[in-house]
Amino acid sequence: MDIFDQAQELERLDRESALCRARAALYREGPEWINGEPCCRECGDPIPPKRLEALPGVGLCRSCQEERERELQ
């Protein structure tokens, strides 16, 4: 692998890392409020009060969060 290949690989890794950070930031905004109830920004299902208590400001339900984490791996 020459220096140009290495530079290209570093650029690809940097771009991939930036995309992961951007995707993660989208769901730090908190829940979507539907009819006064905190709901998942992905599927729209209500987020249980215990989850909101444990993770204040969470924007995804547990199943959507787990799916997102699997996608990022």
Protein backbone atom coordinates (compact mmCIF):
# COMPACT_ATOMS: atom_id res chain seq x y z
CA MET A 1 0.00 0.00 0.00
CA ASP A 2 1.54 3.30 -1.04
CA ILE A 3 1.10 6.70 0.60
CA PHE A 4 -1.84 7.62 -1.65
CA ASP A 5 -3.72 4.45 -0.74
CA GLN A 6 -3.08 5.16 2.94
CA ALA A 7 -4.34 8.73 2.59
CA GLN A 8 -7.44 7.53 0.78
CA GLU A 9 -8.15 4.95 3.50
CA LEU A 10 -7.71 7.57 6.25
CA GLU A 11 -10.09 9.89 4.42
CA ARG A 12 -12.67 7.09 4.10
CA LEU A 13 -12.41 6.26 7.82
CA ASP A 14 -12.70 9.93 8.75
CA ARG A 15 -15.80 10.35 6.56
CA GLU A 16 -17.38 7.20 8.02
CA SER A 17 -16.69 8.41 11.56
CA ALA A 18 -18.24 11.82 10.80
CA LEU A 19 -21.37 10.16 9.41
CA CYS A 20 -21.71 8.00 12.53
CA ARG A 21 -21.40 11.05 14.77
CA ALA A 22 -23.97 12.93 12.71
CA ARG A 23 -26.44 10.04 12.85
CA ALA A 24 -26.00 9.70 16.61
CA ALA A 25 -26.53 13.44 17.11
CA LEU A 26 -29.89 13.29 15.36
CA TYR A 27 -31.38 11.34 18.23
CA ARG A 28 -29.99 13.38 21.10
CA GLU A 29 -32.69 15.96 20.52
CA GLY A 30 -35.11 14.26 22.85
CA PRO A 31 -38.43 12.63 22.19
CA GLU A 32 -41.03 13.77 19.70
CA TRP A 33 -44.12 14.98 21.53
CA ILE A 34 -47.38 13.59 20.16
CA ASN A 35 -50.58 14.61 21.95
CA GLY A 36 -48.52 15.58 24.99
CA GLU A 37 -46.80 12.21 25.20
CA PRO A 38 -43.06 11.63 24.61
CA CYS A 39 -42.66 9.34 21.60
CA CYS A 40 -39.82 7.71 19.69
CA ARG A 41 -38.48 9.85 16.84
CA GLU A 42 -38.03 6.73 14.70
CA CYS A 43 -41.21 4.64 15.11
CA GLY A 44 -43.56 7.03 16.95
CA ASP A 45 -44.31 4.63 19.81
CA PRO A 46 -44.54 6.12 23.31
CA ILE A 47 -41.28 6.07 25.29
CA PRO A 48 -41.84 4.51 28.73
CA PRO A 49 -41.45 6.92 31.69
CA LYS A 50 -38.81 4.63 33.27
CA ARG A 51 -36.63 4.95 30.14
CA LEU A 52 -36.98 8.73 30.17
CA GLU A 53 -36.15 8.77 33.86
CA ALA A 54 -33.03 6.65 33.33
CA LEU A 55 -31.92 8.53 30.18
CA PRO A 56 -33.30 12.10 30.30
CA GLY A 57 -33.75 13.53 26.83
CA VAL A 58 -33.60 10.20 25.01
CA GLY A 59 -35.26 10.37 21.58
CA LEU A 60 -35.58 6.69 20.67
CA CYS A 61 -37.42 3.78 22.23
CA ARG A 62 -35.31 0.83 23.33
CA SER A 63 -35.90 -1.32 20.24
CA CYS A 64 -35.11 1.52 17.81
CA GLN A 65 -31.98 2.42 19.81
CA GLU A 66 -30.79 -1.19 19.70
CA GLU A 67 -31.44 -1.35 15.95
CA ARG A 68 -29.53 1.91 15.41
CA GLU A 69 -26.57 0.59 17.43
CA ARG A 70 -26.51 -2.61 15.36
CA GLU A 71 -26.43 -0.52 12.16
CA LEU A 72 -23.47 1.51 13.43
CA GLN A 73 -21.36 -1.57 14.19
